[in-house]
Amino acid sequence: MNKNRYTNEKRGIYKEDDYYRKQWNDLLKRDKAKVELFRELNKENYYLIVVNYSINISRRGRYMIQEFIRQTGKFINHANLKDWI
């Protein structure tokens, strides 16, 4: 018996690990497609801020603001942005 499968069943998860791997890979494919689309749209002043999955959730807001400034060269007042980031 697959040890991971037993552990998942014990936790109440009954789907095979391959199911979750496929979902993750599909998500990565969609994300890559979005990046390619925005590379083309960037010529028309559309911007996409790509946040790496490994960035801690508590640091994502600051990362997005810094990336926005880097891409656009525009500084923003981000004092009240904690409500939506």
Protein backbone atom coordinates (compact mmCIF):
# COMPACT_ATOMS: atom_id res chain seq x y z
CA MET A 1 0.00 0.00 0.00
CA ASN A 2 1.20 3.48 -0.86
CA LYS A 3 2.17 5.24 2.40
CA ASN A 4 1.00 8.66 1.14
CA ARG A 5 -2.34 7.21 0.13
CA TYR A 6 -2.81 5.70 3.59
CA THR A 7 -1.93 9.02 5.25
CA ASN A 8 -4.36 10.88 3.02
CA GLU A 9 -7.13 8.39 3.71
CA LYS A 10 -6.49 8.67 7.42
CA ARG A 11 -6.97 12.45 7.16
CA GLY A 12 -10.21 11.99 5.23
CA ILE A 13 -8.75 12.76 1.81
CA TYR A 14 -9.73 10.06 -0.66
CA LYS A 15 -8.45 11.41 -3.95
CA GLU A 16 -5.25 10.08 -5.43
CA ASP A 17 -2.15 12.27 -5.29
CA ASP A 18 -2.13 12.34 -9.10
CA TYR A 19 -5.45 14.21 -9.01
CA TYR A 20 -3.89 17.07 -7.03
CA ARG A 21 -0.73 17.02 -9.13
CA LYS A 22 -2.86 17.43 -12.27
CA GLN A 23 -4.76 20.35 -10.71
CA TRP A 24 -1.47 22.03 -9.76
CA ASN A 25 0.03 21.52 -13.22
CA ASP A 26 -3.15 22.87 -14.85
CA LEU A 27 -2.93 25.97 -12.64
CA LEU A 28 0.69 26.50 -13.68
CA LYS A 29 -0.26 26.18 -17.38
CA ARG A 30 -3.02 28.79 -16.99
CA ASP A 31 -0.65 31.13 -15.17
CA LYS A 32 1.97 30.80 -17.90
CA ALA A 33 -0.67 31.54 -20.54
CA LYS A 34 -1.67 34.70 -18.64
CA VAL A 35 1.94 35.85 -18.51
CA GLU A 36 2.31 35.37 -22.27
CA LEU A 37 -0.94 37.25 -22.93
CA PHE A 38 0.15 40.19 -20.80
CA ARG A 39 3.53 40.33 -22.50
CA GLU A 40 1.63 41.15 -25.66
CA LEU A 41 -0.83 43.50 -23.94
CA ASN A 42 1.97 45.34 -22.15
CA LYS A 43 2.58 47.15 -25.42
CA GLU A 44 -0.80 48.81 -24.78
CA ASN A 45 0.03 49.77 -21.16
CA TYR A 46 -1.50 46.72 -19.50
CA TYR A 47 0.54 45.30 -16.65
CA LEU A 48 0.55 41.98 -14.86
CA ILE A 49 2.10 41.58 -11.45
CA VAL A 50 3.29 38.01 -11.06
CA VAL A 51 3.58 36.91 -7.45
CA ASN A 52 5.66 33.80 -6.93
CA TYR A 53 3.89 31.06 -4.97
CA SER A 54 6.81 30.91 -2.55
CA ILE A 55 6.38 34.50 -1.32
CA ASN A 56 4.88 34.50 2.16
CA ILE A 57 1.30 35.76 2.20
CA SER A 58 2.17 38.47 4.73
CA ARG A 59 4.73 39.93 2.27
CA ARG A 60 2.66 39.78 -0.90
CA GLY A 61 1.07 43.21 -0.53
CA ARG A 62 4.39 45.01 -0.27
CA TYR A 63 5.76 42.90 -3.13
CA MET A 64 2.84 43.87 -5.39
CA ILE A 65 3.28 47.56 -4.62
CA GLN A 66 7.02 47.41 -5.31
CA GLU A 67 6.45 45.50 -8.53
CA PHE A 68 3.81 48.02 -9.65
CA ILE A 69 6.26 50.87 -9.08
CA ARG A 70 9.02 48.98 -10.90
CA GLN A 71 6.83 48.25 -13.93
CA THR A 72 5.09 51.60 -14.25
CA GLY A 73 7.51 54.05 -12.68
CA LYS A 74 4.53 55.53 -10.83
CA PHE A 75 4.57 55.89 -7.06
CA ILE A 76 1.34 55.33 -5.17
CA ASN A 77 0.15 56.20 -1.70
CA HIS A 78 -0.34 52.78 -0.20
CA ALA A 79 -1.26 53.77 3.36
CA ASN A 80 -4.77 52.31 3.06
CA LEU A 81 -4.05 49.36 0.81
CA LYS A 82 -4.03 46.78 3.59
CA ASP A 83 -7.81 46.56 3.25
CA TRP A 84 -7.67 44.98 -0.18
CA ILE A 85 -4.27 43.31 -0.42
